Amino acid sequence: MADAALMLSVIAGPDPRDRWSIPCADLSWTDIAPLPRGTRVLYWPTWHDQKIEQKLRETTDKAVALLAEACGLELVVGTPPEIDVHATFRAMVALETDLTGMRALLAEKPLPVSNAVTALLAESRPFEDATDAITARKAFVDEIAKIMSGCDFILTPTLSVTAFAKDQDGPSTIDGNPILPYEWCPFTSPFNLTGQPAYPVAWSTDYPSGCRS
C-alpha cells in the first residue's frame, strides 16, 4: 500500500495526452495509505459457477481470514452481479483492437502469435455484438458502483489456477474438469471493464504472519 501511494503521489493528476485523466484531489496519497481498522471488505471467493482449483480456493479463504483478523477488517462474503461480463469483455477486446492493421501486418510479415490472438483475428462479429457489449458494460459498471457504495474494497482470488507451463496460453482443465480458454482468469477482466484500480497479491500461508504481498 505504501509503495502504491508513493507511486500515485508522482503520477496522479491531469495529463494532456490522456483525455480520461482528472484533476488531482486535494489529498496526500501517502497520508491515507495505512488501512484503518474497521475497513469494510467484500470478498468474492468465486465468479458465479466458473471453476476454481479446490486447493487454491481453500488457501485463499485461509489467507483472507488471516488478513481480516490481522488488519481488523469488516469482512463480508458475497457474489458478483449476475451479468455475463466475460462475453462482454471478449467483444470489447475485438472492438478496441486494430484488427485490420494486425491482419495486414501479419500478412506482410508472418510472426508467431498466441492461439488467442489467432482466434481473435479469425473472428467475424455482427455489429450487434458491439452494441450489446457496450450496453452490458454500462450495466455492469452501474452495478459495481452500487456495490462500492457499501464497501471500501472488493477482494477476489487473482486467478482460478496455480502456475502452468510457460508455453501454454492457459490450462485446458481445472481439477480434471474441462474449461473454456478464459475460465482460468475470470476475476481480472471484469475490472478492466469498470476501470477500477486493482492490485494482485501473492499469498503464502508458510510465513508466520500468514501472508506476504
Protein backbone atom coordinates (compact mmCIF):
# COMPACT_ATOMS: atom_id res chain seq x y z
CA MET A 1 0.00 0.00 0.00
CA ALA A 2 2.81 2.41 0.87
CA ASP A 3 4.57 1.70 -2.44
CA ALA A 4 1.33 2.24 -4.39
CA ALA A 5 0.69 5.51 -2.53
CA LEU A 6 4.21 6.74 -3.31
CA MET A 7 3.70 5.91 -6.99
CA LEU A 8 0.35 7.74 -7.06
CA SER A 9 1.91 10.80 -5.45
CA VAL A 10 4.14 11.02 -8.53
CA ILE A 11 1.78 10.08 -11.38
CA ALA A 12 -1.67 11.24 -10.20
CA GLY A 13 -3.21 14.28 -11.82
CA PRO A 14 -4.19 15.55 -15.27
CA ASP A 15 -2.18 14.77 -18.40
CA PRO A 16 -2.94 16.49 -21.72
CA ARG A 17 -2.15 13.24 -23.54
CA ASP A 18 -4.90 11.35 -21.69
CA ARG A 19 -8.47 12.56 -22.05
CA TRP A 20 -9.57 10.31 -19.16
CA SER A 21 -7.19 11.88 -16.63
CA ILE A 22 -8.77 14.00 -13.90
CA PRO A 23 -7.50 16.84 -11.69
CA CYS A 24 -5.58 15.72 -8.62
CA ALA A 25 -7.65 15.75 -5.43
CA ASP A 26 -6.50 17.87 -2.50
CA LEU A 27 -5.05 14.97 -0.55
CA SER A 28 -1.81 13.23 0.25
CA TRP A 29 -1.75 9.66 -1.02
CA THR A 30 0.98 8.68 1.42
CA ASP A 31 -1.01 10.03 4.39
CA ILE A 32 -4.07 7.93 3.60
CA ALA A 33 -2.19 4.72 2.68
CA PRO A 34 -2.48 2.98 6.09
CA LEU A 35 -5.57 0.76 6.15
CA PRO A 36 -7.83 1.86 9.05
CA ARG A 37 -9.30 -0.83 11.27
CA GLY A 38 -12.94 -1.49 10.51
CA THR A 39 -12.42 -1.10 6.75
CA ARG A 40 -15.31 -2.88 5.05
CA VAL A 41 -14.13 -5.51 2.56
CA LEU A 42 -16.36 -7.55 0.27
CA TYR A 43 -14.88 -10.96 -0.56
CA TRP A 44 -15.95 -12.85 -3.71
CA PRO A 45 -14.32 -16.30 -3.47
CA THR A 46 -15.73 -17.49 -6.83
CA TRP A 47 -17.05 -15.95 -10.03
CA HIS A 48 -20.53 -17.46 -10.38
CA ASP A 49 -20.33 -21.12 -11.42
CA GLN A 50 -16.89 -20.93 -13.00
CA LYS A 51 -14.38 -23.42 -11.65
CA ILE A 52 -11.50 -22.70 -9.30
CA GLU A 53 -8.88 -25.14 -8.07
CA GLN A 54 -10.07 -26.54 -4.74
CA LYS A 55 -6.67 -26.20 -3.07
CA LEU A 56 -6.31 -22.63 -4.34
CA ARG A 57 -9.81 -21.78 -3.04
CA GLU A 58 -9.02 -23.22 0.39
CA THR A 59 -5.68 -21.40 0.59
CA THR A 60 -7.23 -18.10 -0.48
CA ASP A 61 -10.06 -18.43 2.06
CA LYS A 62 -7.48 -19.03 4.78
CA ALA A 63 -5.33 -16.09 3.71
CA VAL A 64 -8.33 -13.75 3.57
CA ALA A 65 -9.39 -14.77 7.09
CA LEU A 66 -5.84 -14.16 8.38
CA LEU A 67 -5.71 -10.77 6.66
CA ALA A 68 -9.09 -9.72 8.07
CA GLU A 69 -8.02 -10.68 11.59
CA ALA A 70 -4.58 -9.07 11.36
CA CYS A 71 -5.87 -5.78 9.93
CA GLY A 72 -9.17 -5.61 11.80
CA LEU A 73 -11.24 -5.68 8.62
CA GLU A 74 -15.01 -5.99 8.49
CA LEU A 75 -15.23 -8.90 6.05
CA VAL A 76 -18.40 -9.73 4.10
CA VAL A 77 -18.58 -12.74 1.77
CA GLY A 78 -20.73 -12.19 -1.33
CA THR A 79 -21.15 -12.90 -5.04
CA PRO A 80 -20.64 -10.76 -8.18
CA PRO A 81 -23.56 -9.27 -10.12
CA GLU A 82 -25.33 -11.73 -12.43
CA ILE A 83 -24.03 -10.21 -15.68
CA ASP A 84 -22.07 -12.16 -18.32
CA VAL A 85 -19.08 -9.84 -18.31
CA HIS A 86 -16.75 -12.34 -19.94
CA ALA A 87 -18.67 -12.39 -23.22
CA THR A 88 -18.75 -8.60 -22.95
CA PHE A 89 -15.00 -8.41 -22.35
CA ARG A 90 -14.19 -10.58 -25.36
CA ALA A 91 -16.39 -8.41 -27.57
CA MET A 92 -14.80 -5.21 -26.20
CA VAL A 93 -11.31 -6.58 -26.92
CA ALA A 94 -12.33 -7.19 -30.52
CA LEU A 95 -13.98 -3.76 -30.73
CA GLU A 96 -10.91 -1.91 -29.43
CA THR A 97 -8.30 -3.87 -31.41
CA ASP A 98 -6.97 -2.72 -34.77
CA LEU A 99 -7.97 -5.96 -36.48
CA THR A 100 -7.41 -4.58 -39.98
CA GLY A 101 -3.94 -3.34 -39.12
CA MET A 102 -2.92 -6.55 -37.34
CA ARG A 103 -4.17 -8.72 -40.20
CA ALA A 104 -2.24 -6.62 -42.70
CA LEU A 105 0.91 -6.71 -40.56
CA LEU A 106 0.83 -10.49 -40.20
CA ALA A 107 0.09 -10.96 -43.90
CA GLU A 108 3.14 -8.84 -44.76
CA LYS A 109 5.43 -10.28 -42.10
CA PRO A 110 4.18 -13.51 -40.50
CA LEU A 111 5.02 -13.58 -36.79
CA PRO A 112 4.28 -16.16 -34.12
CA VAL A 113 1.22 -15.08 -32.13
CA SER A 114 -0.77 -16.80 -29.41
CA ASN A 115 -3.75 -19.01 -30.08
CA ALA A 116 -5.97 -16.37 -28.52
CA VAL A 117 -4.75 -13.68 -30.96
CA THR A 118 -5.07 -16.08 -33.88
CA ALA A 119 -8.67 -16.83 -32.91
CA LEU A 120 -9.41 -13.11 -32.46
CA LEU A 121 -8.10 -12.25 -35.94
CA ALA A 122 -10.17 -15.05 -37.47
CA GLU A 123 -13.42 -13.82 -35.94
CA SER A 124 -16.16 -12.04 -37.83
CA ARG A 125 -18.69 -10.44 -35.48
CA PRO A 126 -22.03 -8.77 -36.23
CA PHE A 127 -22.47 -5.10 -35.37
CA GLU A 128 -24.91 -6.09 -32.62
CA ASP A 129 -22.07 -7.75 -30.71
CA ALA A 130 -20.50 -4.33 -30.23
CA THR A 131 -23.68 -2.56 -29.16
CA ASP A 132 -24.65 -5.42 -26.83
CA ALA A 133 -21.19 -5.31 -25.24
CA ILE A 134 -21.34 -1.54 -24.71
CA THR A 135 -24.79 -1.86 -23.11
CA ALA A 136 -23.70 -4.75 -20.85
CA ARG A 137 -20.56 -2.89 -19.83
CA LYS A 138 -22.63 0.12 -18.72
CA ALA A 139 -24.95 -2.15 -16.74
CA PHE A 140 -22.03 -3.85 -15.01
CA VAL A 141 -20.35 -0.54 -14.16
CA ASP A 142 -23.63 0.68 -12.64
CA GLU A 143 -23.96 -2.49 -10.54
CA ILE A 144 -20.39 -2.25 -9.27
CA ALA A 145 -20.92 1.42 -8.36
CA LYS A 146 -23.91 0.42 -6.23
CA ILE A 147 -21.88 -2.33 -4.54
CA MET A 148 -18.94 0.00 -3.85
CA SER A 149 -21.28 2.44 -2.08
CA GLY A 150 -21.45 -0.13 0.72
CA CYS A 151 -17.82 -1.26 0.95
CA ASP A 152 -14.28 0.05 0.69
CA PHE A 153 -12.67 -2.80 -1.25
CA ILE A 154 -13.62 -5.87 -3.23
CA LEU A 155 -11.32 -8.82 -2.67
CA THR A 156 -11.15 -11.85 -5.00
CA PRO A 157 -8.66 -14.56 -5.95
CA THR A 158 -6.42 -13.34 -8.76
CA LEU A 159 -6.66 -16.49 -10.89
CA SER A 160 -8.54 -19.79 -10.75
CA VAL A 161 -5.39 -21.91 -11.11
CA THR A 162 -1.83 -22.09 -9.92
CA ALA A 163 1.10 -21.65 -12.30
CA PHE A 164 1.09 -23.56 -15.60
CA ALA A 165 3.75 -24.16 -18.26
CA LYS A 166 5.18 -21.01 -19.81
CA ASP A 167 4.47 -22.23 -23.37
CA GLN A 168 0.74 -22.56 -22.65
CA ASP A 169 -1.85 -19.86 -23.35
CA GLY A 170 -3.67 -21.32 -20.38
CA PRO A 171 -4.74 -24.63 -18.88
CA SER A 172 -7.46 -26.73 -20.51
CA THR A 173 -8.74 -28.21 -17.25
CA ILE A 174 -9.23 -27.29 -13.61
CA ASP A 175 -9.11 -30.21 -11.18
CA GLY A 176 -9.64 -32.52 -14.17
CA ASN A 177 -12.71 -30.65 -15.45
CA PRO A 178 -12.52 -29.07 -18.94
CA ILE A 179 -12.72 -25.27 -19.07
CA LEU A 180 -13.07 -22.58 -21.72
CA PRO A 181 -9.92 -20.58 -22.59
CA TYR A 182 -10.84 -17.58 -20.43
CA GLU A 183 -12.04 -19.50 -17.35
CA TRP A 184 -8.65 -19.64 -15.66
CA CYS A 185 -8.72 -15.83 -15.18
CA PRO A 186 -12.37 -14.85 -14.56
CA PHE A 187 -11.55 -12.39 -11.75
CA THR A 188 -9.38 -9.93 -13.70
CA SER A 189 -11.25 -8.88 -16.85
CA PRO A 190 -14.36 -7.55 -15.04
CA PHE A 191 -12.31 -4.73 -13.57
CA ASN A 192 -10.81 -3.88 -16.94
CA LEU A 193 -14.40 -3.12 -17.90
CA THR A 194 -15.12 -0.90 -14.89
CA GLY A 195 -11.78 0.90 -14.94
CA GLN A 196 -11.27 0.40 -11.20
CA PRO A 197 -7.78 0.24 -9.78
CA ALA A 198 -6.87 -3.37 -9.00
CA TYR A 199 -3.83 -4.94 -7.39
CA PRO A 200 -2.76 -8.60 -7.50
CA VAL A 201 -1.38 -10.05 -4.29
CA ALA A 202 0.59 -13.27 -3.82
CA TRP A 203 -0.40 -15.20 -0.72
CA SER A 204 1.60 -17.68 1.29
CA THR A 205 0.46 -19.41 4.46
CA ASP A 206 4.05 -20.57 5.09
CA TYR A 207 5.01 -17.27 6.70
CA PRO A 208 4.43 -16.87 10.45
CA SER A 209 2.23 -13.81 9.87
CA GLY A 210 0.11 -15.72 7.38
CA CYS A 211 0.60 -13.70 4.22
CA ARG A 212 3.03 -11.63 2.24
CA SER A 213 2.37 -9.49 -0.81
